[in-house]
Amino acid sequence: MDIGSNIRSIRKRKNWSIQQICERTGLSQGFMSQVENNKTSPSITTLDSIAQALNVPLAFLLLKNDERMHIIRKDERRKTIHGKENFNVEHLSDRGNVRMMLVEMPAGASTEDAHAHAGEELHFIIQGTLFIEQGEDSATLSTGDSFSWKACVPHYVKNIGDEPAIVLISISIDSD
């Protein structure tokens, strides 16, 4: 855990000197320097005082680097082609057990046969008209509509429109 670097980073972003944060927390400059250099481990009470001075939640100071915000720029996205129907898939983000992707389905394309897998899916139709089916349930949905389902039950999606359908999909998969 790199709490000291988190504190230093926030302090510097605010353009504060060590003296300024010490004035707000009542801590000595020597102690604060040791904290920022990870040479000492402050108590939770002291960390809470530092967090309040920096105006950040205490939990933010405790995050590991891989737990902090992760950004994927548009031109950095991983892109794949999926299935026989050549769906264009842009992988927007993933965190823990959640993935989010933007899928473009050509007109008339479908997921072929009904299929099932672990997890839950949430869909938002950005563009197009889809026929969706899961078990005995089915619906026709259009731009602006959304739907979700347990992915362990076989499901099927077909673009029944005359233009490509674009769908934002989030998939959550339980971890063991």
Protein backbone atom coordinates (compact mmCIF):
# COMPACT_ATOMS: atom_id res chain seq x y z
CA MET A 1 0.00 0.00 0.00
CA ASP A 2 1.40 3.39 -0.96
CA ILE A 3 -0.59 5.75 1.27
CA GLY A 4 2.22 8.32 1.51
CA SER A 5 2.46 8.73 -2.26
CA ASN A 6 -1.32 9.17 -2.45
CA ILE A 7 -1.15 11.92 0.15
CA ARG A 8 1.80 13.64 -1.56
CA SER A 9 0.10 13.46 -4.95
CA ILE A 10 -3.09 15.09 -3.65
CA ARG A 11 -1.13 17.73 -1.72
CA LYS A 12 0.91 18.64 -4.80
CA ARG A 13 -2.19 18.74 -6.99
CA LYS A 14 -3.54 21.36 -4.57
CA ASN A 15 -0.20 23.20 -4.78
CA TRP A 16 0.23 22.94 -1.02
CA SER A 17 3.57 22.80 0.76
CA ILE A 18 4.14 20.31 3.58
CA GLN A 19 3.93 23.29 5.93
CA GLN A 20 0.43 24.14 4.65
CA ILE A 21 -0.93 20.64 5.22
CA CYS A 22 0.72 20.56 8.65
CA GLU A 23 -1.05 23.80 9.58
CA ARG A 24 -4.38 22.19 8.62
CA THR A 25 -3.71 18.91 10.47
CA GLY A 26 -1.61 19.98 13.45
CA LEU A 27 1.07 17.43 12.50
CA SER A 28 4.79 18.21 12.45
CA GLN A 29 6.60 18.66 9.14
CA GLY A 30 9.04 15.88 10.00
CA PHE A 31 6.21 13.43 10.71
CA MET A 32 4.35 14.47 7.56
CA SER A 33 7.49 13.97 5.48
CA GLN A 34 7.91 10.48 6.95
CA VAL A 35 4.26 9.68 6.12
CA GLU A 36 4.64 10.89 2.52
CA ASN A 37 7.82 8.85 2.09
CA ASN A 38 6.16 5.74 3.56
CA LYS A 39 8.69 5.66 6.42
CA THR A 40 5.96 5.54 9.06
CA SER A 41 2.41 4.24 9.19
CA PRO A 42 0.01 6.79 10.67
CA SER A 43 -2.97 5.71 12.74
CA ILE A 44 -6.46 5.71 11.23
CA THR A 45 -7.24 8.81 13.32
CA THR A 46 -4.23 10.62 11.84
CA LEU A 47 -5.11 9.46 8.31
CA ASP A 48 -8.66 10.71 8.84
CA SER A 49 -7.28 14.10 9.90
CA ILE A 50 -5.09 14.22 6.76
CA ALA A 51 -8.03 13.16 4.55
CA GLN A 52 -10.23 15.89 6.03
CA ALA A 53 -7.51 18.49 5.48
CA LEU A 54 -7.15 17.36 1.86
CA ASN A 55 -10.94 17.21 1.48
CA VAL A 56 -10.95 13.59 0.25
CA PRO A 57 -12.64 10.50 1.70
CA LEU A 58 -10.42 8.47 3.99
CA ALA A 59 -11.01 5.41 1.78
CA PHE A 60 -9.38 7.22 -1.16
CA LEU A 61 -6.08 7.39 0.71
CA LEU A 62 -6.21 3.62 1.28
CA LEU A 63 -6.70 2.62 -2.37
CA LYS A 64 -3.98 0.60 -4.05
CA ASN A 65 -2.84 1.82 -7.47
CA ASP A 66 -4.80 -0.90 -9.30
CA GLU A 67 -7.96 0.08 -7.38
CA ARG A 68 -7.87 3.71 -8.46
CA MET A 69 -9.67 5.22 -11.42
CA HIS A 70 -8.71 3.61 -14.72
CA ILE A 71 -9.11 5.55 -17.96
CA ILE A 72 -9.16 4.11 -21.48
CA ARG A 73 -9.07 6.77 -24.19
CA LYS A 74 -11.12 6.22 -27.32
CA ASP A 75 -8.05 5.58 -29.48
CA GLU A 76 -6.66 3.10 -26.91
CA ARG A 77 -9.66 0.74 -26.85
CA ARG A 78 -9.15 -2.90 -27.71
CA LYS A 79 -11.28 -3.77 -30.74
CA THR A 80 -12.33 -7.27 -31.77
CA ILE A 81 -14.60 -8.96 -34.27
CA HIS A 82 -17.09 -11.41 -32.77
CA GLY A 83 -18.91 -14.36 -34.31
CA LYS A 84 -19.73 -15.38 -37.87
CA GLU A 85 -21.78 -12.20 -38.29
CA ASN A 86 -18.68 -10.05 -37.66
CA PHE A 87 -19.93 -7.87 -34.81
CA ASN A 88 -17.52 -5.01 -34.16
CA VAL A 89 -16.77 -4.95 -30.44
CA GLU A 90 -15.03 -2.05 -28.70
CA HIS A 91 -13.95 -3.01 -25.19
CA LEU A 92 -14.64 0.17 -23.21
CA SER A 93 -13.62 -0.84 -19.73
CA ASP A 94 -13.36 -3.65 -17.26
CA ARG A 95 -13.05 -3.60 -13.53
CA GLY A 96 -13.08 -6.65 -11.33
CA ASN A 97 -16.02 -8.75 -12.47
CA VAL A 98 -17.63 -6.10 -14.71
CA ARG A 99 -16.95 -5.51 -18.41
CA MET A 100 -18.44 -2.86 -20.64
CA MET A 101 -18.40 -2.89 -24.41
CA LEU A 102 -19.87 -1.15 -27.41
CA VAL A 103 -21.16 -3.64 -29.99
CA GLU A 104 -22.09 -2.83 -33.57
CA MET A 105 -24.33 -5.45 -35.20
CA PRO A 106 -24.72 -5.25 -38.98
CA ALA A 107 -28.29 -5.08 -40.35
CA GLY A 108 -29.84 -8.57 -40.23
CA ALA A 109 -27.08 -9.96 -38.00
CA SER A 110 -27.84 -12.15 -35.00
CA THR A 111 -26.11 -14.03 -32.24
CA GLU A 112 -26.84 -17.18 -34.28
CA ASP A 113 -28.39 -19.72 -31.90
CA ALA A 114 -29.53 -18.97 -28.38
CA HIS A 115 -26.53 -19.19 -26.08
CA ALA A 116 -25.88 -19.00 -22.35
CA HIS A 117 -22.93 -18.14 -20.11
CA ALA A 118 -22.24 -17.06 -16.56
CA GLY A 119 -23.20 -13.62 -15.29
CA GLU A 120 -25.72 -10.88 -15.90
CA GLU A 121 -25.99 -8.52 -18.87
CA LEU A 122 -27.39 -5.00 -19.15
CA HIS A 123 -27.98 -3.51 -22.61
CA PHE A 124 -28.73 0.00 -23.84
CA ILE A 125 -29.65 0.40 -27.51
CA ILE A 126 -27.88 3.49 -28.82
CA GLN A 127 -29.04 2.96 -32.39
CA GLY A 128 -31.20 0.46 -34.25
CA THR A 129 -33.98 -2.08 -33.71
CA LEU A 130 -33.42 -5.43 -32.05
CA PHE A 131 -35.49 -8.54 -31.54
CA ILE A 132 -34.49 -10.15 -28.24
CA GLU A 133 -35.47 -13.53 -26.85
CA GLN A 134 -34.78 -15.41 -23.66
CA GLY A 135 -36.69 -18.58 -22.88
CA GLU A 136 -40.37 -17.84 -23.55
CA ASP A 137 -39.91 -14.06 -23.33
CA SER A 138 -39.30 -11.91 -26.41
CA ALA A 139 -39.56 -8.26 -27.41
CA THR A 140 -38.74 -5.80 -30.16
CA LEU A 141 -36.74 -2.84 -28.86
CA SER A 142 -35.48 0.35 -30.48
CA THR A 143 -33.11 3.26 -29.96
CA GLY A 144 -33.18 4.43 -26.34
CA ASP A 145 -34.61 1.18 -24.94
CA SER A 146 -32.71 -1.00 -22.51
CA PHE A 147 -32.97 -4.54 -21.20
CA SER A 148 -31.18 -6.93 -18.86
CA TRP A 149 -31.10 -10.63 -18.17
CA LYS A 150 -29.40 -13.44 -16.34
CA ALA A 151 -27.01 -14.71 -18.98
CA CYS A 152 -27.13 -18.30 -17.68
CA VAL A 153 -30.52 -18.66 -19.41
CA PRO A 154 -30.15 -19.12 -23.20
CA HIS A 155 -30.69 -15.83 -25.04
CA TYR A 156 -30.78 -14.58 -28.62
CA VAL A 157 -30.46 -11.13 -30.22
CA LYS A 158 -31.12 -10.14 -33.84
CA ASN A 159 -30.80 -6.76 -35.54
CA ILE A 160 -34.10 -6.52 -37.44
CA GLY A 161 -33.47 -2.98 -38.64
CA ASP A 162 -32.12 -1.72 -41.97
CA GLU A 163 -29.08 -0.09 -40.36
CA PRO A 164 -26.34 -1.29 -38.04
CA ALA A 165 -27.45 -1.52 -34.42
CA ILE A 166 -25.15 -0.11 -31.76
CA VAL A 167 -25.56 -1.49 -28.25
CA LEU A 168 -23.80 -0.60 -25.03
CA ILE A 169 -23.42 -3.80 -23.00
CA SER A 170 -22.28 -4.29 -19.44
CA ILE A 171 -21.58 -7.83 -18.24
CA SER A 172 -21.12 -8.81 -14.62
CA ILE A 173 -19.70 -12.23 -13.82
CA ASP A 174 -19.67 -13.59 -10.27
CA SER A 175 -16.25 -14.51 -8.97
CA ASP A 176 -15.58 -17.53 -6.86
